[in-house]
Amino acid sequence: LTEEPIDIIKSGRFNHVPLITGYTSREGMLFELIKLGQKEAS
């Protein structure tokens, strides 16, 4: 990787193959769970 990802995306210089992407509605829960695992306060 020699360029910023956003610049690659804007330039179109990436692998042009079908892509599916998505996320879930409350993924932010994981960040709080990590803090609990690290015994840190939110």
PDB file of all heavy atoms in Angstrom:
ATOM      1  N   LEU A   1       0.854  -1.193   0.000  1.00  0.00           N
ATOM      2  CA  LEU A   1       0.000   0.000   0.000  1.00  0.00           C
ATOM      3  C   LEU A   1       0.884   1.236   0.000  1.00  0.00           C
ATOM      4  O   LEU A   1       1.630   1.466   0.941  1.00  0.00           O
ATOM      5  CB  LEU A   1      -0.898  -0.007   1.239  1.00  0.00           C
ATOM      6  CG  LEU A   1      -1.960   1.087   1.338  1.00  0.00           C
ATOM      7  CD1 LEU A   1      -3.083   0.818   0.340  1.00  0.00           C
ATOM      8  CD2 LEU A   1      -2.514   1.178   2.750  1.00  0.00           C
ATOM      9  N   THR A   2       0.813   2.029  -1.052  1.00  0.00           N
ATOM     10  CA  THR A   2       1.667   3.216  -1.163  1.00  0.00           C
ATOM     11  C   THR A   2       0.864   4.505  -1.300  1.00  0.00           C
ATOM     12  O   THR A   2       1.448   5.576  -1.454  1.00  0.00           O
ATOM     13  CB  THR A   2       2.614   3.082  -2.363  1.00  0.00           C
ATOM     14  OG1 THR A   2       1.846   2.914  -3.568  1.00  0.00           O
ATOM     15  CG2 THR A   2       3.542   1.884  -2.207  1.00  0.00           C
ATOM     16  N   GLU A   3      -0.458   4.408  -1.259  1.00  0.00           N
ATOM     17  CA  GLU A   3      -1.328   5.584  -1.323  1.00  0.00           C
ATOM     18  C   GLU A   3      -2.388   5.475  -0.233  1.00  0.00           C
ATOM     19  O   GLU A   3      -2.733   4.382   0.221  1.00  0.00           O
ATOM     20  CB  GLU A   3      -2.038   5.682  -2.670  1.00  0.00           C
ATOM     21  CG  GLU A   3      -1.160   5.828  -3.871  1.00  0.00           C
ATOM     22  CD  GLU A   3      -1.996   5.868  -5.143  1.00  0.00           C
ATOM     23  OE1 GLU A   3      -2.574   6.931  -5.441  1.00  0.00           O
ATOM     24  OE2 GLU A   3      -2.097   4.833  -5.816  1.00  0.00           O
ATOM     25  N   GLU A   4      -2.927   6.616   0.167  1.00  0.00           N
ATOM     26  CA  GLU A   4      -4.038   6.610   1.097  1.00  0.00           C
ATOM     27  C   GLU A   4      -5.232   5.877   0.471  1.00  0.00           C
ATOM     28  O   GLU A   4      -5.545   6.084  -0.708  1.00  0.00           O
ATOM     29  CB  GLU A   4      -4.453   8.031   1.458  1.00  0.00           C
ATOM     30  CG  GLU A   4      -3.492   8.738   2.389  1.00  0.00           C
ATOM     31  CD  GLU A   4      -3.500   8.151   3.793  1.00  0.00           C
ATOM     32  OE1 GLU A   4      -4.506   7.496   4.162  1.00  0.00           O
ATOM     33  OE2 GLU A   4      -2.502   8.348   4.516  1.00  0.00           O
ATOM     34  N   PRO A   5      -5.899   5.020   1.233  1.00  0.00           N
ATOM     35  CA  PRO A   5      -7.045   4.289   0.687  1.00  0.00           C
ATOM     36  C   PRO A   5      -8.089   5.186   0.033  1.00  0.00           C
ATOM     37  O   PRO A   5      -8.626   4.845  -1.030  1.00  0.00           O
ATOM     38  CB  PRO A   5      -7.607   3.571   1.920  1.00  0.00           C
ATOM     39  CG  PRO A   5      -6.410   3.333   2.775  1.00  0.00           C
ATOM     40  CD  PRO A   5      -5.552   4.556   2.588  1.00  0.00           C
ATOM     41  N   ILE A   6      -8.380   6.335   0.637  1.00  0.00           N
ATOM     42  CA  ILE A   6      -9.398   7.212   0.051  1.00  0.00           C
ATOM     43  C   ILE A   6      -8.959   7.731  -1.308  1.00  0.00           C
ATOM     44  O   ILE A   6      -9.780   7.893  -2.226  1.00  0.00           O
ATOM     45  CB  ILE A   6      -9.735   8.388   1.010  1.00  0.00           C
ATOM     46  CG1 ILE A   6     -10.943   9.168   0.493  1.00  0.00           C
ATOM     47  CG2 ILE A   6      -8.548   9.289   1.221  1.00  0.00           C
ATOM     48  CD1 ILE A   6     -12.224   8.371   0.422  1.00  0.00           C
ATOM     49  N   ASP A   7      -7.656   7.952  -1.490  1.00  0.00           N
ATOM     50  CA  ASP A   7      -7.161   8.420  -2.789  1.00  0.00           C
ATOM     51  C   ASP A   7      -7.252   7.318  -3.838  1.00  0.00           C
ATOM     52  O   ASP A   7      -7.544   7.588  -5.013  1.00  0.00           O
ATOM     53  CB  ASP A   7      -5.718   8.907  -2.653  1.00  0.00           C
ATOM     54  CG  ASP A   7      -5.595  10.166  -1.803  1.00  0.00           C
ATOM     55  OD1 ASP A   7      -6.585  10.925  -1.738  1.00  0.00           O
ATOM     56  OD2 ASP A   7      -4.527  10.374  -1.195  1.00  0.00           O
ATOM     57  N   ILE A   8      -7.002   6.079  -3.428  1.00  0.00           N
ATOM     58  CA  ILE A   8      -7.141   4.957  -4.355  1.00  0.00           C
ATOM     59  C   ILE A   8      -8.587   4.821  -4.794  1.00  0.00           C
ATOM     60  O   ILE A   8      -8.887   4.622  -5.979  1.00  0.00           O
ATOM     61  CB  ILE A   8      -6.648   3.656  -3.700  1.00  0.00           C
ATOM     62  CG1 ILE A   8      -5.164   3.754  -3.346  1.00  0.00           C
ATOM     63  CG2 ILE A   8      -6.881   2.459  -4.623  1.00  0.00           C
ATOM     64  CD1 ILE A   8      -4.643   2.587  -2.539  1.00  0.00           C
ATOM     65  N   ILE A   9      -9.505   4.952  -3.847  1.00  0.00           N
ATOM     66  CA  ILE A   9     -10.921   4.829  -4.160  1.00  0.00           C
ATOM     67  C   ILE A   9     -11.351   5.930  -5.132  1.00  0.00           C
ATOM     68  O   ILE A   9     -12.038   5.671  -6.133  1.00  0.00           O
ATOM     69  CB  ILE A   9     -11.754   4.881  -2.867  1.00  0.00           C
ATOM     70  CG1 ILE A   9     -11.477   3.645  -2.010  1.00  0.00           C
ATOM     71  CG2 ILE A   9     -13.243   4.995  -3.182  1.00  0.00           C
ATOM     72  CD1 ILE A   9     -12.051   3.723  -0.615  1.00  0.00           C
ATOM     73  N   LYS A  10     -10.942   7.166  -4.841  1.00  0.00           N
ATOM     74  CA  LYS A  10     -11.336   8.284  -5.705  1.00  0.00           C
ATOM     75  C   LYS A  10     -10.755   8.161  -7.109  1.00  0.00           C
ATOM     76  O   LYS A  10     -11.385   8.559  -8.092  1.00  0.00           O
ATOM     77  CB  LYS A  10     -10.891   9.603  -5.071  1.00  0.00           C
ATOM     78  CG  LYS A  10     -11.694  10.007  -3.837  1.00  0.00           C
ATOM     79  CD  LYS A  10     -11.161  11.316  -3.252  1.00  0.00           C
ATOM     80  CE  LYS A  10     -11.993  11.767  -2.066  1.00  0.00           C
ATOM     81  NZ  LYS A  10     -11.472  13.031  -1.467  1.00  0.00           N
ATOM     82  N   SER A  11      -9.551   7.592  -7.197  1.00  0.00           N
ATOM     83  CA  SER A  11      -8.894   7.477  -8.506  1.00  0.00           C
ATOM     84  C   SER A  11      -9.412   6.309  -9.335  1.00  0.00           C
ATOM     85  O   SER A  11      -9.220   6.269 -10.548  1.00  0.00           O
ATOM     86  CB  SER A  11      -7.386   7.307  -8.313  1.00  0.00           C
ATOM     87  OG  SER A  11      -7.092   6.021  -7.777  1.00  0.00           O
ATOM     88  N   GLY A  12     -10.044   5.344  -8.674  1.00  0.00           N
ATOM     89  CA  GLY A  12     -10.520   4.162  -9.381  1.00  0.00           C
ATOM     90  C   GLY A  12      -9.450   3.108  -9.605  1.00  0.00           C
ATOM     91  O   GLY A  12      -9.685   2.116 -10.303  1.00  0.00           O
ATOM     92  N   ARG A  13      -8.278   3.293  -8.982  1.00  0.00           N
ATOM     93  CA  ARG A  13      -7.176   2.342  -9.190  1.00  0.00           C
ATOM     94  C   ARG A  13      -7.250   1.203  -8.168  1.00  0.00           C
ATOM     95  O   ARG A  13      -6.376   1.041  -7.327  1.00  0.00           O
ATOM     96  CB  ARG A  13      -5.839   3.061  -9.083  1.00  0.00           C
ATOM     97  CG  ARG A  13      -5.584   4.077 -10.181  1.00  0.00           C
ATOM     98  CD  ARG A  13      -4.141   4.589 -10.137  1.00  0.00           C
ATOM     99  NE  ARG A  13      -3.824   5.226  -8.868  1.00  0.00           N
ATOM    100  CZ  ARG A  13      -4.039   6.518  -8.603  1.00  0.00           C
ATOM    101  NH1 ARG A  13      -4.586   7.293  -9.535  1.00  0.00           N
ATOM    102  NH2 ARG A  13      -3.720   7.026  -7.422  1.00  0.00           N
ATOM    103  N   PHE A  14      -8.317   0.425  -8.238  1.00  0.00           N
ATOM    104  CA  PHE A  14      -8.464  -0.712  -7.352  1.00  0.00           C
ATOM    105  C   PHE A  14      -8.950  -1.900  -8.173  1.00  0.00           C
ATOM    106  O   PHE A  14      -9.171  -1.780  -9.380  1.00  0.00           O
ATOM    107  CB  PHE A  14      -9.435  -0.401  -6.203  1.00  0.00           C
ATOM    108  CG  PHE A  14     -10.746   0.201  -6.648  1.00  0.00           C
ATOM    109  CD1 PHE A  14     -11.777  -0.599  -7.130  1.00  0.00           C
ATOM    110  CD2 PHE A  14     -10.950   1.578  -6.586  1.00  0.00           C
ATOM    111  CE1 PHE A  14     -12.979  -0.049  -7.536  1.00  0.00           C
ATOM    112  CE2 PHE A  14     -12.151   2.141  -6.987  1.00  0.00           C
ATOM    113  CZ  PHE A  14     -13.167   1.326  -7.464  1.00  0.00           C
ATOM    114  N   ASN A  15      -9.096  -3.028  -7.539  1.00  0.00           N
ATOM    115  CA  ASN A  15      -9.538  -4.234  -8.238  1.00  0.00           C
ATOM    116  C   ASN A  15     -11.036  -4.141  -8.513  1.00  0.00           C
ATOM    117  O   ASN A  15     -11.841  -4.144  -7.578  1.00  0.00           O
ATOM    118  CB  ASN A  15      -9.232  -5.468  -7.392  1.00  0.00           C
ATOM    119  CG  ASN A  15      -7.755  -5.736  -7.287  1.00  0.00           C
ATOM    120  OD1 ASN A  15      -7.131  -6.221  -8.225  1.00  0.00           O
ATOM    121  ND2 ASN A  15      -7.164  -5.425  -6.136  1.00  0.00           N
ATOM    122  N   HIS A  16     -11.388  -4.070  -9.758  1.00  0.00           N
ATOM    123  CA  HIS A  16     -12.792  -3.900 -10.129  1.00  0.00           C
ATOM    124  C   HIS A  16     -13.476  -5.260 -10.203  1.00  0.00           C
ATOM    125  O   HIS A  16     -13.704  -5.821 -11.278  1.00  0.00           O
ATOM    126  CB  HIS A  16     -12.902  -3.121 -11.439  1.00  0.00           C
ATOM    127  CG  HIS A  16     -12.557  -1.679 -11.294  1.00  0.00           C
ATOM    128  ND1 HIS A  16     -13.489  -0.699 -11.057  1.00  0.00           N
ATOM    129  CD2 HIS A  16     -11.355  -1.050 -11.291  1.00  0.00           C
ATOM    130  CE1 HIS A  16     -12.888   0.486 -10.946  1.00  0.00           C
ATOM    131  NE2 HIS A  16     -11.585   0.293 -11.086  1.00  0.00           N
ATOM    132  N   VAL A  17     -13.817  -5.772  -9.023  1.00  0.00           N
ATOM    133  CA  VAL A  17     -14.561  -7.021  -8.914  1.00  0.00           C
ATOM    134  C   VAL A  17     -15.760  -6.757  -8.028  1.00  0.00           C
ATOM    135  O   VAL A  17     -15.788  -5.772  -7.275  1.00  0.00           O
ATOM    136  CB  VAL A  17     -13.676  -8.147  -8.321  1.00  0.00           C
ATOM    137  CG1 VAL A  17     -12.459  -8.397  -9.197  1.00  0.00           C
ATOM    138  CG2 VAL A  17     -13.248  -7.825  -6.888  1.00  0.00           C
ATOM    139  N   PRO A  18     -16.790  -7.608  -8.089  1.00  0.00           N
ATOM    140  CA  PRO A  18     -17.977  -7.389  -7.250  1.00  0.00           C
ATOM    141  C   PRO A  18     -17.621  -7.340  -5.765  1.00  0.00           C
ATOM    142  O   PRO A  18     -16.830  -8.147  -5.271  1.00  0.00           O
ATOM    143  CB  PRO A  18     -18.856  -8.602  -7.569  1.00  0.00           C
ATOM    144  CG  PRO A  18     -18.444  -9.014  -8.947  1.00  0.00           C
ATOM    145  CD  PRO A  18     -16.971  -8.743  -9.012  1.00  0.00           C
ATOM    146  N   LEU A  19     -18.224  -6.379  -5.051  1.00  0.00           N
ATOM    147  CA  LEU A  19     -17.940  -6.160  -3.634  1.00  0.00           C
ATOM    148  C   LEU A  19     -19.248  -6.011  -2.866  1.00  0.00           C
ATOM    149  O   LEU A  19     -20.127  -5.243  -3.260  1.00  0.00           O
ATOM    150  CB  LEU A  19     -17.089  -4.901  -3.459  1.00  0.00           C
ATOM    151  CG  LEU A  19     -16.854  -4.406  -2.028  1.00  0.00           C
ATOM    152  CD1 LEU A  19     -15.907  -5.355  -1.300  1.00  0.00           C
ATOM    153  CD2 LEU A  19     -16.306  -2.991  -2.016  1.00  0.00           C
ATOM    154  N   ILE A  20     -19.382  -6.756  -1.766  1.00  0.00           N
ATOM    155  CA  ILE A  20     -20.490  -6.580  -0.823  1.00  0.00           C
ATOM    156  C   ILE A  20     -19.895  -6.051   0.473  1.00  0.00           C
ATOM    157  O   ILE A  20     -18.890  -6.576   0.962  1.00  0.00           O
ATOM    158  CB  ILE A  20     -21.219  -7.909  -0.540  1.00  0.00           C
ATOM    159  CG1 ILE A  20     -21.851  -8.462  -1.815  1.00  0.00           C
ATOM    160  CG2 ILE A  20     -22.284  -7.719   0.536  1.00  0.00           C
ATOM    161  CD1 ILE A  20     -22.460  -9.845  -1.631  1.00  0.00           C
ATOM    162  N   THR A  21     -20.490  -5.013   1.036  1.00  0.00           N
ATOM    163  CA  THR A  21     -19.996  -4.473   2.306  1.00  0.00           C
ATOM    164  C   THR A  21     -21.170  -4.080   3.186  1.00  0.00           C
ATOM    165  O   THR A  21     -22.240  -3.714   2.688  1.00  0.00           O
ATOM    166  CB  THR A  21     -19.068  -3.264   2.069  1.00  0.00           C
ATOM    167  OG1 THR A  21     -18.537  -2.820   3.310  1.00  0.00           O
ATOM    168  CG2 THR A  21     -19.797  -2.128   1.390  1.00  0.00           C
ATOM    169  N   GLY A  22     -20.985  -4.175   4.500  1.00  0.00           N
ATOM    170  CA  GLY A  22     -22.051  -3.793   5.413  1.00  0.00           C
ATOM    171  C   GLY A  22     -21.606  -3.858   6.856  1.00  0.00           C
ATOM    172  O   GLY A  22     -20.514  -4.336   7.169  1.00  0.00           O
ATOM    173  N   TYR A  23     -22.448  -3.338   7.738  1.00  0.00           N
ATOM    174  CA  TYR A  23     -22.166  -3.376   9.167  1.00  0.00           C
ATOM    175  C   TYR A  23     -23.492  -3.507   9.908  1.00  0.00           C
ATOM    176  O   TYR A  23     -24.571  -3.345   9.327  1.00  0.00           O
ATOM    177  CB  TYR A  23     -21.400  -2.125   9.619  1.00  0.00           C
ATOM    178  CG  TYR A  23     -22.153  -0.824   9.445  1.00  0.00           C
ATOM    179  CD1 TYR A  23     -22.866  -0.274  10.501  1.00  0.00           C
ATOM    180  CD2 TYR A  23     -22.142  -0.131   8.228  1.00  0.00           C
ATOM    181  CE1 TYR A  23     -23.555   0.920  10.357  1.00  0.00           C
ATOM    182  CE2 TYR A  23     -22.827   1.054   8.068  1.00  0.00           C
ATOM    183  CZ  TYR A  23     -23.529   1.574   9.134  1.00  0.00           C
ATOM    184  OH  TYR A  23     -24.215   2.750   8.990  1.00  0.00           O
ATOM    185  N   THR A  24     -23.415  -3.812  11.203  1.00  0.00           N
ATOM    186  CA  THR A  24     -24.623  -3.989  11.996  1.00  0.00           C
ATOM    187  C   THR A  24     -24.981  -2.704  12.736  1.00  0.00           C
ATOM    188  O   THR A  24     -24.174  -1.782  12.836  1.00  0.00           O
ATOM    189  CB  THR A  24     -24.459  -5.138  13.002  1.00  0.00           C
ATOM    190  OG1 THR A  24     -23.376  -4.833  13.872  1.00  0.00           O
ATOM    191  CG2 THR A  24     -24.169  -6.442  12.294  1.00  0.00           C
ATOM    192  N   SER A  25     -26.179  -2.659  13.286  1.00  0.00           N
ATOM    193  CA  SER A  25     -26.723  -1.399  13.780  1.00  0.00           C
ATOM    194  C   SER A  25     -26.107  -0.933  15.100  1.00  0.00           C
ATOM    195  O   SER A  25     -26.191   0.242  15.423  1.00  0.00           O
ATOM    196  CB  SER A  25     -28.245  -1.530  13.954  1.00  0.00           C
ATOM    197  OG  SER A  25     -28.541  -2.549  14.897  1.00  0.00           O
ATOM    198  N   ARG A  26     -25.519  -1.810  15.878  1.00  0.00           N
ATOM    199  CA  ARG A  26     -24.979  -1.415  17.181  1.00  0.00           C
ATOM    200  C   ARG A  26     -23.555  -1.947  17.357  1.00  0.00           C
ATOM    201  O   ARG A  26     -23.199  -2.456  18.410  1.00  0.00           O
ATOM    202  CB  ARG A  26     -25.874  -1.923  18.317  1.00  0.00           C
ATOM    203  CG  ARG A  26     -27.200  -1.168  18.440  1.00  0.00           C
ATOM    204  CD  ARG A  26     -26.988   0.291  18.829  1.00  0.00           C
ATOM    205  NE  ARG A  26     -28.234   0.996  19.068  1.00  0.00           N
ATOM    206  CZ  ARG A  26     -28.904   1.641  18.141  1.00  0.00           C
ATOM    207  NH1 ARG A  26     -28.454   1.667  16.887  1.00  0.00           N
ATOM    208  NH2 ARG A  26     -30.017   2.280  18.428  1.00  0.00           N
ATOM    209  N   GLU A  27     -22.752  -1.797  16.327  1.00  0.00           N
ATOM    210  CA  GLU A  27     -21.376  -2.282  16.422  1.00  0.00           C
ATOM    211  C   GLU A  27     -20.565  -1.528  17.472  1.00  0.00           C
ATOM    212  O   GLU A  27     -19.555  -2.034  17.957  1.00  0.00           O
ATOM    213  CB  GLU A  27     -20.683  -2.183  15.066  1.00  0.00           C
ATOM    214  CG  GLU A  27     -21.240  -3.185  14.087  1.00  0.00           C
ATOM    215  CD  GLU A  27     -20.414  -3.311  12.830  1.00  0.00           C
ATOM    216  OE1 GLU A  27     -19.549  -2.461  12.591  1.00  0.00           O
ATOM    217  OE2 GLU A  27     -20.630  -4.273  12.087  1.00  0.00           O
ATOM    218  N   GLY A  28     -21.025  -0.343  17.838  1.00  0.00           N
ATOM    219  CA  GLY A  28     -20.321   0.423  18.855  1.00  0.00           C
ATOM    220  C   GLY A  28     -20.267  -0.270  20.201  1.00  0.00           C
ATOM    221  O   GLY A  28     -19.432   0.065  21.052  1.00  0.00           O
ATOM    222  N   MET A  29     -21.140  -1.273  20.406  1.00  0.00           N
ATOM    223  CA  MET A  29     -21.091  -2.053  21.643  1.00  0.00           C
ATOM    224  C   MET A  29     -19.710  -2.673  21.835  1.00  0.00           C
ATOM    225  O   MET A  29     -19.223  -2.806  22.960  1.00  0.00           O
ATOM    226  CB  MET A  29     -22.145  -3.162  21.610  1.00  0.00           C
ATOM    227  CG  MET A  29     -23.573  -2.690  21.640  1.00  0.00           C
ATOM    228  SD  MET A  29     -24.749  -4.044  21.378  1.00  0.00           S
ATOM    229  CE  MET A  29     -24.479  -4.979  22.875  1.00  0.00           C
ATOM    230  N   LEU A  30     -19.085  -3.076  20.726  1.00  0.00           N
ATOM    231  CA  LEU A  30     -17.790  -3.754  20.812  1.00  0.00           C
ATOM    232  C   LEU A  30     -16.736  -2.865  21.451  1.00  0.00           C
ATOM    233  O   LEU A  30     -15.904  -3.343  22.229  1.00  0.00           O
ATOM    234  CB  LEU A  30     -17.339  -4.186  19.412  1.00  0.00           C
ATOM    235  CG  LEU A  30     -15.981  -4.881  19.341  1.00  0.00           C
ATOM    236  CD1 LEU A  30     -15.998  -6.160  20.164  1.00  0.00           C
ATOM    237  CD2 LEU A  30     -15.602  -5.175  17.903  1.00  0.00           C
ATOM    238  N   PHE A  31     -16.765  -1.581  21.147  1.00  0.00           N
ATOM    239  CA  PHE A  31     -15.775  -0.666  21.709  1.00  0.00           C
ATOM    240  C   PHE A  31     -15.890  -0.606  23.229  1.00  0.00           C
ATOM    241  O   PHE A  31     -14.885  -0.546  23.942  1.00  0.00           O
ATOM    242  CB  PHE A  31     -15.932   0.721  21.107  1.00  0.00           C
ATOM    243  CG  PHE A  31     -15.583   0.774  19.643  1.00  0.00           C
ATOM    244  CD1 PHE A  31     -16.535   0.554  18.668  1.00  0.00           C
ATOM    245  CD2 PHE A  31     -14.284   1.038  19.241  1.00  0.00           C
ATOM    246  CE1 PHE A  31     -16.212   0.589  17.328  1.00  0.00           C
ATOM    247  CE2 PHE A  31     -13.949   1.080  17.905  1.00  0.00           C
ATOM    248  CZ  PHE A  31     -14.918   0.850  16.943  1.00  0.00           C
ATOM    249  N   GLU A  32     -17.118  -0.624  23.727  1.00  0.00           N
ATOM    250  CA  GLU A  32     -17.309  -0.604  25.178  1.00  0.00           C
ATOM    251  C   GLU A  32     -16.909  -1.936  25.808  1.00  0.00           C
ATOM    252  O   GLU A  32     -16.359  -1.976  26.909  1.00  0.00           O
ATOM    253  CB  GLU A  32     -18.768  -0.279  25.498  1.00  0.00           C
ATOM    254  CG  GLU A  32     -19.200   1.098  25.006  1.00  0.00           C
ATOM    255  CD  GLU A  32     -18.267   2.201  25.489  1.00  0.00           C
ATOM    256  OE1 GLU A  32     -18.150   2.380  26.716  1.00  0.00           O
ATOM    257  OE2 GLU A  32     -17.636   2.867  24.644  1.00  0.00           O
ATOM    258  N   LEU A  33     -17.154  -3.037  25.093  1.00  0.00           N
ATOM    259  CA  LEU A  33     -16.740  -4.342  25.595  1.00  0.00           C
ATOM    260  C   LEU A  33     -15.224  -4.445  25.678  1.00  0.00           C
ATOM    261  O   LEU A  33     -14.676  -5.042  26.611  1.00  0.00           O
ATOM    262  CB  LEU A  33     -17.296  -5.452  24.697  1.00  0.00           C
ATOM    263  CG  LEU A  33     -18.797  -5.696  24.792  1.00  0.00           C
ATOM    264  CD1 LEU A  33     -19.239  -6.696  23.735  1.00  0.00           C
ATOM    265  CD2 LEU A  33     -19.169  -6.199  26.184  1.00  0.00           C
ATOM    266  N   ILE A  34     -14.534  -3.850  24.700  1.00  0.00           N
ATOM    267  CA  ILE A  34     -13.070  -3.842  24.734  1.00  0.00           C
ATOM    268  C   ILE A  34     -12.585  -3.113  25.973  1.00  0.00           C
ATOM    269  O   ILE A  34     -11.666  -3.562  26.672  1.00  0.00           O
ATOM    270  CB  ILE A  34     -12.514  -3.193  23.456  1.00  0.00           C
ATOM    271  CG1 ILE A  34     -12.741  -4.122  22.254  1.00  0.00           C
ATOM    272  CG2 ILE A  34     -11.027  -2.873  23.604  1.00  0.00           C
ATOM    273  CD1 ILE A  34     -12.415  -3.495  20.929  1.00  0.00           C
ATOM    274  N   LYS A  35     -13.204  -1.989  26.280  1.00  0.00           N
ATOM    275  CA  LYS A  35     -12.796  -1.226  27.457  1.00  0.00           C
ATOM    276  C   LYS A  35     -13.050  -2.018  28.742  1.00  0.00           C
ATOM    277  O   LYS A  35     -12.238  -1.996  29.666  1.00  0.00           O
ATOM    278  CB  LYS A  35     -13.527   0.118  27.491  1.00  0.00           C
ATOM    279  CG  LYS A  35     -13.053   1.092  26.417  1.00  0.00           C
ATOM    280  CD  LYS A  35     -13.753   2.419  26.541  1.00  0.00           C
ATOM    281  CE  LYS A  35     -13.265   3.375  25.464  1.00  0.00           C
ATOM    282  NZ  LYS A  35     -11.842   3.683  25.625  1.00  0.00           N
ATOM    283  N   LEU A  36     -14.171  -2.734  28.777  1.00  0.00           N
ATOM    284  CA  LEU A  36     -14.442  -3.557  29.950  1.00  0.00           C
ATOM    285  C   LEU A  36     -13.397  -4.651  30.093  1.00  0.00           C
ATOM    286  O   LEU A  36     -12.925  -4.951  31.184  1.00  0.00           O
ATOM    287  CB  LEU A  36     -15.847  -4.165  29.842  1.00  0.00           C
ATOM    288  CG  LEU A  36     -17.018  -3.205  30.029  1.00  0.00           C
ATOM    289  CD1 LEU A  36     -18.329  -3.917  29.751  1.00  0.00           C
ATOM    290  CD2 LEU A  36     -17.021  -2.643  31.447  1.00  0.00           C
ATOM    291  N   GLY A  37     -13.022  -5.256  28.946  1.00  0.00           N
ATOM    292  CA  GLY A  37     -11.999  -6.292  28.972  1.00  0.00           C
ATOM    293  C   GLY A  37     -10.652  -5.757  29.407  1.00  0.00           C
ATOM    294  O   GLY A  37      -9.845  -6.467  30.014  1.00  0.00           O
ATOM    295  N   GLN A  38     -10.388  -4.489  29.102  1.00  0.00           N
ATOM    296  CA  GLN A  38      -9.138  -3.854  29.506  1.00  0.00           C
ATOM    297  C   GLN A  38      -9.252  -3.214  30.885  1.00  0.00           C
ATOM    298  O   GLN A  38      -8.333  -2.559  31.352  1.00  0.00           O
ATOM    299  CB  GLN A  38      -8.744  -2.790  28.479  1.00  0.00           C
ATOM    300  CG  GLN A  38      -8.427  -3.370  27.107  1.00  0.00           C
ATOM    301  CD  GLN A  38      -8.210  -2.288  26.065  1.00  0.00           C
ATOM    302  OE1 GLN A  38      -8.594  -1.132  26.249  1.00  0.00           O
ATOM    303  NE2 GLN A  38      -7.600  -2.654  24.961  1.00  0.00           N
ATOM    304  N   LYS A  39     -10.447  -3.424  31.519  1.00  0.00           N
ATOM    305  CA  LYS A  39     -10.711  -2.865  32.862  1.00  0.00           C
ATOM    306  C   LYS A  39     -10.549  -1.347  32.874  1.00  0.00           C
ATOM    307  O   LYS A  39     -10.007  -0.763  33.791  1.00  0.00           O
ATOM    308  CB  LYS A  39      -9.814  -3.525  33.906  1.00  0.00           C
ATOM    309  CG  LYS A  39     -10.085  -5.012  34.063  1.00  0.00           C
ATOM    310  CD  LYS A  39      -9.183  -5.629  35.127  1.00  0.00           C
ATOM    311  CE  LYS A  39      -9.576  -7.062  35.419  1.00  0.00           C
ATOM    312  NZ  LYS A  39      -9.557  -7.942  34.254  1.00  0.00           N
ATOM    313  N   GLU A  40     -11.028  -0.724  31.782  1.00  0.00           N
ATOM    314  CA  GLU A  40     -10.999   0.731  31.692  1.00  0.00           C
ATOM    315  C   GLU A  40     -12.425   1.262  31.769  1.00  0.00           C
ATOM    316  O   GLU A  40     -13.382   0.618  31.341  1.00  0.00           O
ATOM    317  CB  GLU A  40     -10.383   1.180  30.355  1.00  0.00           C
ATOM    318  CG  GLU A  40      -8.906   0.817  30.209  1.00  0.00           C
ATOM    319  CD  GLU A  40      -8.370   1.281  28.875  1.00  0.00           C
ATOM    320  OE1 GLU A  40      -9.105   1.981  28.146  1.00  0.00           O
ATOM    321  OE2 GLU A  40      -7.223   0.942  28.546  1.00  0.00           O
ATOM    322  N   ALA A  41     -12.568   2.448  32.292  1.00  0.00           N
ATOM    323  CA  ALA A  41     -13.876   3.088  32.341  1.00  0.00           C
ATOM    324  C   ALA A  41     -14.258   3.588  30.952  1.00  0.00           C
ATOM    325  O   ALA A  41     -13.405   3.905  30.133  1.00  0.00           O
ATOM    326  CB  ALA A  41     -13.845   4.263  33.321  1.00  0.00           C
ATOM    327  N   SER A  42     -15.545   3.618  30.688  1.00  0.00           N
ATOM    328  CA  SER A  42     -16.012   4.161  29.409  1.00  0.00           C
ATOM    329  C   SER A  42     -15.602   5.624  29.290  1.00  0.00           C
ATOM    330  O   SER A  42     -15.759   6.400  30.238  1.00  0.00           O
ATOM    331  CB  SER A  42     -17.534   4.042  29.301  1.00  0.00           C
ATOM    332  OG  SER A  42     -17.923   2.692  29.258  1.00  0.00           O
TER     333      SER A  42
END
